[in-house]
């Protein structure tokens, strides 16, 4: 099943309507409240690919340029 938000996914899992793979940080509040349980996958490394999208024809703010440079540095360092 595909749901439009992490909040809805957590609600469905808490209601006993299935399981999901989400980041630990997104599930922390439900775990602390005792509504869901986390189970770490065994024997598999999970990863996801992220990207930055921005308009090349627009002038970027200094904060945006710094953020993009930082993300690129972190991505290069993790390879």
C-alpha atoms as a PDB file:
ATOM      1  CA  UNK A   1       0.000   0.000   0.000  1.00  0.00           C
ATOM      2  CA  UNK A   2       1.237   3.490  -0.752  1.00  0.00           C
ATOM      3  CA  UNK A   3       0.266   6.275   1.630  1.00  0.00           C
ATOM      4  CA  UNK A   4       0.773  10.023   1.144  1.00  0.00           C
ATOM      5  CA  UNK A   5       2.612  10.783   4.383  1.00  0.00           C
ATOM      6  CA  UNK A   6       4.844   9.267   7.046  1.00  0.00           C
ATOM      7  CA  UNK A   7       2.216  10.211   9.624  1.00  0.00           C
ATOM      8  CA  UNK A   8      -0.390   8.068   7.890  1.00  0.00           C
ATOM      9  CA  UNK A   9       2.065   5.196   7.557  1.00  0.00           C
ATOM     10  CA  UNK A  10       2.746   5.336  11.301  1.00  0.00           C
ATOM     11  CA  UNK A  11      -0.986   5.456  12.053  1.00  0.00           C
ATOM     12  CA  UNK A  12      -1.671   2.381   9.913  1.00  0.00           C
ATOM     13  CA  UNK A  13       1.173   0.452  11.558  1.00  0.00           C
ATOM     14  CA  UNK A  14       0.034   1.499  15.052  1.00  0.00           C
ATOM     15  CA  UNK A  15      -3.499   0.317  14.174  1.00  0.00           C
ATOM     16  CA  UNK A  16      -2.119  -3.115  13.279  1.00  0.00           C
ATOM     17  CA  UNK A  17      -2.755  -2.741   9.549  1.00  0.00           C
ATOM     18  CA  UNK A  18       0.753  -3.630   8.397  1.00  0.00           C
ATOM     19  CA  UNK A  19       4.457  -3.039   8.697  1.00  0.00           C
ATOM     20  CA  UNK A  20       6.702  -0.421   7.134  1.00  0.00           C
ATOM     21  CA  UNK A  21      10.316   0.540   6.528  1.00  0.00           C
ATOM     22  CA  UNK A  22      10.893   4.079   7.779  1.00  0.00           C
ATOM     23  CA  UNK A  23      13.748   5.931   9.428  1.00  0.00           C
ATOM     24  CA  UNK A  24      14.166   5.389  13.159  1.00  0.00           C
ATOM     25  CA  UNK A  25      13.948   9.139  13.693  1.00  0.00           C
ATOM     26  CA  UNK A  26      10.450   9.207  12.143  1.00  0.00           C
ATOM     27  CA  UNK A  27       9.195   6.406  14.405  1.00  0.00           C
ATOM     28  CA  UNK A  28      10.765   7.586  17.677  1.00  0.00           C
ATOM     29  CA  UNK A  29       7.628   9.217  19.112  1.00  0.00           C
ATOM     30  CA  UNK A  30       5.432   6.140  18.481  1.00  0.00           C
ATOM     31  CA  UNK A  31       8.101   3.837  19.952  1.00  0.00           C
ATOM     32  CA  UNK A  32       8.388   5.965  23.106  1.00  0.00           C
ATOM     33  CA  UNK A  33       4.591   5.964  23.428  1.00  0.00           C
ATOM     34  CA  UNK A  34       4.563   2.159  23.116  1.00  0.00           C
ATOM     35  CA  UNK A  35       2.391   2.139  19.994  1.00  0.00           C
ATOM     36  CA  UNK A  36       4.909   0.468  17.671  1.00  0.00           C
ATOM     37  CA  UNK A  37       8.021  -1.681  17.930  1.00  0.00           C
ATOM     38  CA  UNK A  38      11.190  -1.322  15.881  1.00  0.00           C
ATOM     39  CA  UNK A  39      12.808  -4.401  14.389  1.00  0.00           C
ATOM     40  CA  UNK A  40      16.254  -3.962  12.847  1.00  0.00           C
ATOM     41  CA  UNK A  41      16.687  -5.768   9.506  1.00  0.00           C
ATOM     42  CA  UNK A  42      19.234  -8.581   9.791  1.00  0.00           C
ATOM     43  CA  UNK A  43      21.876  -9.256   7.170  1.00  0.00           C
ATOM     44  CA  UNK A  44      20.897  -6.443   4.796  1.00  0.00           C
ATOM     45  CA  UNK A  45      22.311  -2.977   4.403  1.00  0.00           C
ATOM     46  CA  UNK A  46      19.554  -0.488   3.656  1.00  0.00           C
ATOM     47  CA  UNK A  47      20.253   2.767   1.861  1.00  0.00           C
ATOM     48  CA  UNK A  48      18.405   5.368  -0.111  1.00  0.00           C
ATOM     49  CA  UNK A  49      19.464   7.751  -2.794  1.00  0.00           C
ATOM     50  CA  UNK A  50      18.800  11.438  -2.259  1.00  0.00           C
ATOM     51  CA  UNK A  51      19.175  14.360  -4.630  1.00  0.00           C
ATOM     52  CA  UNK A  52      19.077  18.142  -4.585  1.00  0.00           C
ATOM     53  CA  UNK A  53      16.930  19.892  -7.174  1.00  0.00           C
ATOM     54  CA  UNK A  54      17.185  23.603  -7.812  1.00  0.00           C
ATOM     55  CA  UNK A  55      16.688  26.008 -10.687  1.00  0.00           C
ATOM     56  CA  UNK A  56      19.916  26.768 -12.490  1.00  0.00           C
ATOM     57  CA  UNK A  57      18.489  29.949 -14.008  1.00  0.00           C
ATOM     58  CA  UNK A  58      17.943  31.564 -10.592  1.00  0.00           C
ATOM     59  CA  UNK A  59      20.479  33.257  -8.345  1.00  0.00           C
ATOM     60  CA  UNK A  60      20.901  31.213  -5.178  1.00  0.00           C
ATOM     61  CA  UNK A  61      21.140  32.766  -1.743  1.00  0.00           C
ATOM     62  CA  UNK A  62      24.405  32.402   0.152  1.00  0.00           C
ATOM     63  CA  UNK A  63      22.712  29.953   2.540  1.00  0.00           C
ATOM     64  CA  UNK A  64      21.468  27.816  -0.356  1.00  0.00           C
ATOM     65  CA  UNK A  65      24.872  27.810  -2.054  1.00  0.00           C
ATOM     66  CA  UNK A  66      26.563  26.851   1.211  1.00  0.00           C
ATOM     67  CA  UNK A  67      24.046  24.071   1.801  1.00  0.00           C
ATOM     68  CA  UNK A  68      24.607  22.626  -1.692  1.00  0.00           C
ATOM     69  CA  UNK A  69      28.400  22.796  -1.280  1.00  0.00           C
ATOM     70  CA  UNK A  70      28.180  21.079   2.114  1.00  0.00           C
ATOM     71  CA  UNK A  71      25.975  18.293   0.769  1.00  0.00           C
ATOM     72  CA  UNK A  72      28.361  17.746  -2.151  1.00  0.00           C
ATOM     73  CA  UNK A  73      31.342  17.577   0.245  1.00  0.00           C
ATOM     74  CA  UNK A  74      29.580  15.079   2.492  1.00  0.00           C
ATOM     75  CA  UNK A  75      28.551  12.951  -0.484  1.00  0.00           C
ATOM     76  CA  UNK A  76      32.114  12.917  -1.837  1.00  0.00           C
ATOM     77  CA  UNK A  77      33.528  12.033   1.589  1.00  0.00           C
ATOM     78  CA  UNK A  78      31.172   9.081   2.010  1.00  0.00           C
ATOM     79  CA  UNK A  79      32.242   7.370  -1.229  1.00  0.00           C
END
